[in-house]
C-alpha atoms as a PDB file:
ATOM      1  CA  MET A   1       0.000   0.000   0.000  1.00  0.00           C
ATOM      2  CA  THR A   2       1.223   3.481  -0.679  1.00  0.00           C
ATOM      3  CA  ALA A   3       1.514   6.163   1.952  1.00  0.00           C
ATOM      4  CA  GLY A   4      -1.814   7.863   2.543  1.00  0.00           C
ATOM      5  CA  THR A   5      -3.842   4.915   1.223  1.00  0.00           C
ATOM      6  CA  PRO A   6      -6.266   3.664   3.862  1.00  0.00           C
ATOM      7  CA  ARG A   7      -5.560   0.066   4.877  1.00  0.00           C
ATOM      8  CA  VAL A   8      -9.196  -0.555   5.778  1.00  0.00           C
ATOM      9  CA  THR A   9     -12.169  -0.188   3.460  1.00  0.00           C
ATOM     10  CA  LEU A  10     -15.705  -0.481   4.779  1.00  0.00           C
ATOM     11  CA  TYR A  11     -18.368  -1.231   2.175  1.00  0.00           C
ATOM     12  CA  SER A  12     -21.768  -0.171   3.473  1.00  0.00           C
ATOM     13  CA  ARG A  13     -25.106   1.367   2.563  1.00  0.00           C
ATOM     14  CA  PRO A  14     -27.157   4.157   4.111  1.00  0.00           C
ATOM     15  CA  GLY A  15     -29.750   3.109   6.679  1.00  0.00           C
ATOM     16  CA  CYS A  16     -27.972  -0.154   7.543  1.00  0.00           C
ATOM     17  CA  HIS A  17     -27.803  -0.632  11.325  1.00  0.00           C
ATOM     18  CA  LEU A  18     -25.060  -3.264  11.013  1.00  0.00           C
ATOM     19  CA  CYS A  19     -23.080  -0.761   8.950  1.00  0.00           C
ATOM     20  CA  ASP A  20     -23.480   1.855  11.672  1.00  0.00           C
ATOM     21  CA  THR A  21     -22.108  -0.572  14.264  1.00  0.00           C
ATOM     22  CA  ALA A  22     -19.276  -1.682  11.967  1.00  0.00           C
ATOM     23  CA  ARG A  23     -18.328   1.953  11.307  1.00  0.00           C
ATOM     24  CA  GLU A  24     -18.014   2.578  15.050  1.00  0.00           C
ATOM     25  CA  VAL A  25     -15.703  -0.430  15.480  1.00  0.00           C
ATOM     26  CA  VAL A  26     -13.580   0.390  12.420  1.00  0.00           C
ATOM     27  CA  ALA A  27     -13.281   4.060  13.408  1.00  0.00           C
ATOM     28  CA  ARG A  28     -12.313   3.192  16.985  1.00  0.00           C
ATOM     29  CA  VAL A  29      -9.675   0.593  16.049  1.00  0.00           C
ATOM     30  CA  CYS A  30      -8.198   2.703  13.254  1.00  0.00           C
ATOM     31  CA  ALA A  31      -7.995   5.777  15.501  1.00  0.00           C
ATOM     32  CA  GLU A  32      -6.335   3.736  18.235  1.00  0.00           C
ATOM     33  CA  LEU A  33      -3.737   2.341  15.814  1.00  0.00           C
ATOM     34  CA  GLY A  34      -3.192   5.503  13.785  1.00  0.00           C
ATOM     35  CA  GLU A  35      -4.657   3.954  10.638  1.00  0.00           C
ATOM     36  CA  GLU A  36      -7.045   5.499   8.148  1.00  0.00           C
ATOM     37  CA  TYR A  37     -10.122   3.897   6.672  1.00  0.00           C
ATOM     38  CA  ALA A  38     -12.328   4.606   3.700  1.00  0.00           C
ATOM     39  CA  GLU A  39     -16.053   4.000   3.536  1.00  0.00           C
ATOM     40  CA  VAL A  40     -17.742   3.194   0.239  1.00  0.00           C
ATOM     41  CA  SER A  41     -21.504   3.049  -0.250  1.00  0.00           C
ATOM     42  CA  ILE A  42     -22.330   0.038  -2.401  1.00  0.00           C
ATOM     43  CA  ASP A  43     -25.488   1.849  -3.522  1.00  0.00           C
ATOM     44  CA  ASP A  44     -23.282   4.171  -5.612  1.00  0.00           C
ATOM     45  CA  ASP A  45     -22.041   1.296  -7.807  1.00  0.00           C
ATOM     46  CA  PRO A  46     -24.250  -1.433  -9.306  1.00  0.00           C
ATOM     47  CA  ALA A  47     -21.244  -3.785  -9.529  1.00  0.00           C
ATOM     48  CA  LEU A  48     -20.713  -3.476  -5.774  1.00  0.00           C
ATOM     49  CA  VAL A  49     -24.421  -4.112  -5.122  1.00  0.00           C
ATOM     50  CA  GLU A  50     -24.158  -7.279  -7.203  1.00  0.00           C
ATOM     51  CA  ARG A  51     -20.899  -8.354  -5.553  1.00  0.00           C
ATOM     52  CA  PHE A  52     -21.840  -7.751  -1.919  1.00  0.00           C
ATOM     53  CA  GLY A  53     -25.647  -7.686  -1.996  1.00  0.00           C
ATOM     54  CA  GLU A  54     -26.931  -8.501   1.467  1.00  0.00           C
ATOM     55  CA  GLU A  55     -23.503  -9.284   2.979  1.00  0.00           C
ATOM     56  CA  ILE A  56     -22.873  -5.694   3.986  1.00  0.00           C
ATOM     57  CA  PRO A  57     -21.140  -4.337   5.848  1.00  0.00           C
ATOM     58  CA  VAL A  58     -18.015  -5.833   4.312  1.00  0.00           C
ATOM     59  CA  THR A  59     -14.540  -4.873   5.474  1.00  0.00           C
ATOM     60  CA  PHE A  60     -11.315  -5.207   3.551  1.00  0.00           C
ATOM     61  CA  VAL A  61      -7.851  -4.927   5.106  1.00  0.00           C
ATOM     62  CA  ASP A  62      -4.892  -4.311   2.807  1.00  0.00           C
ATOM     63  CA  GLY A  63      -7.059  -5.071  -0.219  1.00  0.00           C
ATOM     64  CA  ARG A  64      -8.309  -8.464   1.006  1.00  0.00           C
ATOM     65  CA  GLN A  65     -11.779  -9.265   2.326  1.00  0.00           C
ATOM     66  CA  HIS A  66     -11.634  -9.477   6.094  1.00  0.00           C
ATOM     67  CA  ASP A  67     -15.186  -9.668   7.517  1.00  0.00           C
ATOM     68  CA  PHE A  68     -18.814  -9.279   6.552  1.00  0.00           C
ATOM     69  CA  TRP A  69     -22.022  -8.564   8.483  1.00  0.00           C
ATOM     70  CA  ARG A  70     -20.142  -7.820  11.698  1.00  0.00           C
ATOM     71  CA  VAL A  71     -16.676  -6.476  12.408  1.00  0.00           C
ATOM     72  CA  ASP A  72     -14.857  -8.330  15.151  1.00  0.00           C
ATOM     73  CA  GLU A  73     -12.780  -5.705  16.941  1.00  0.00           C
ATOM     74  CA  THR A  74     -10.134  -8.194  18.105  1.00  0.00           C
ATOM     75  CA  ARG A  75      -9.720  -9.706  14.623  1.00  0.00           C
ATOM     76  CA  LEU A  76      -9.479  -6.276  13.017  1.00  0.00           C
ATOM     77  CA  ARG A  77      -6.875  -5.100  15.507  1.00  0.00           C
ATOM     78  CA  ALA A  78      -4.868  -8.308  14.965  1.00  0.00           C
ATOM     79  CA  ALA A  79      -4.996  -7.926  11.177  1.00  0.00           C
ATOM     80  CA  LEU A  80      -3.682  -4.371  11.438  1.00  0.00           C
ATOM     81  CA  THR A  81      -0.898  -5.187  13.898  1.00  0.00           C
ATOM     82  CA  SER A  82       0.288  -8.628  12.774  1.00  0.00           C
ATOM     83  CA  PRO A  83       3.937  -8.877  11.715  1.00  0.00           C
ATOM     84  CA  GLY A  84       4.632  -8.718   8.021  1.00  0.00           C
ATOM     85  CA  ARG A  85       1.965  -6.125   7.323  1.00  0.00           C
ATOM     86  CA  PRO A  86       2.981  -2.846   5.711  1.00  0.00           C
END
């Protein structure tokens, strides 16, 4: 990943209560670890709606799918702090 590129991407949609909860977890963990995250509404891209459908929220870490439906805070923190990560 290049400098300034968020390591975490949260795919969500407006009005999704699971997305709201996931956003809180992602924001908290990223703030704690000094990481940035990006949030993308799947409703803005038909290809994303087709890809993720009802699995939202979906989180990616370093470009790889990490979780869907719920974000496990411990797993997210481990993925961002494990050795060998940029």
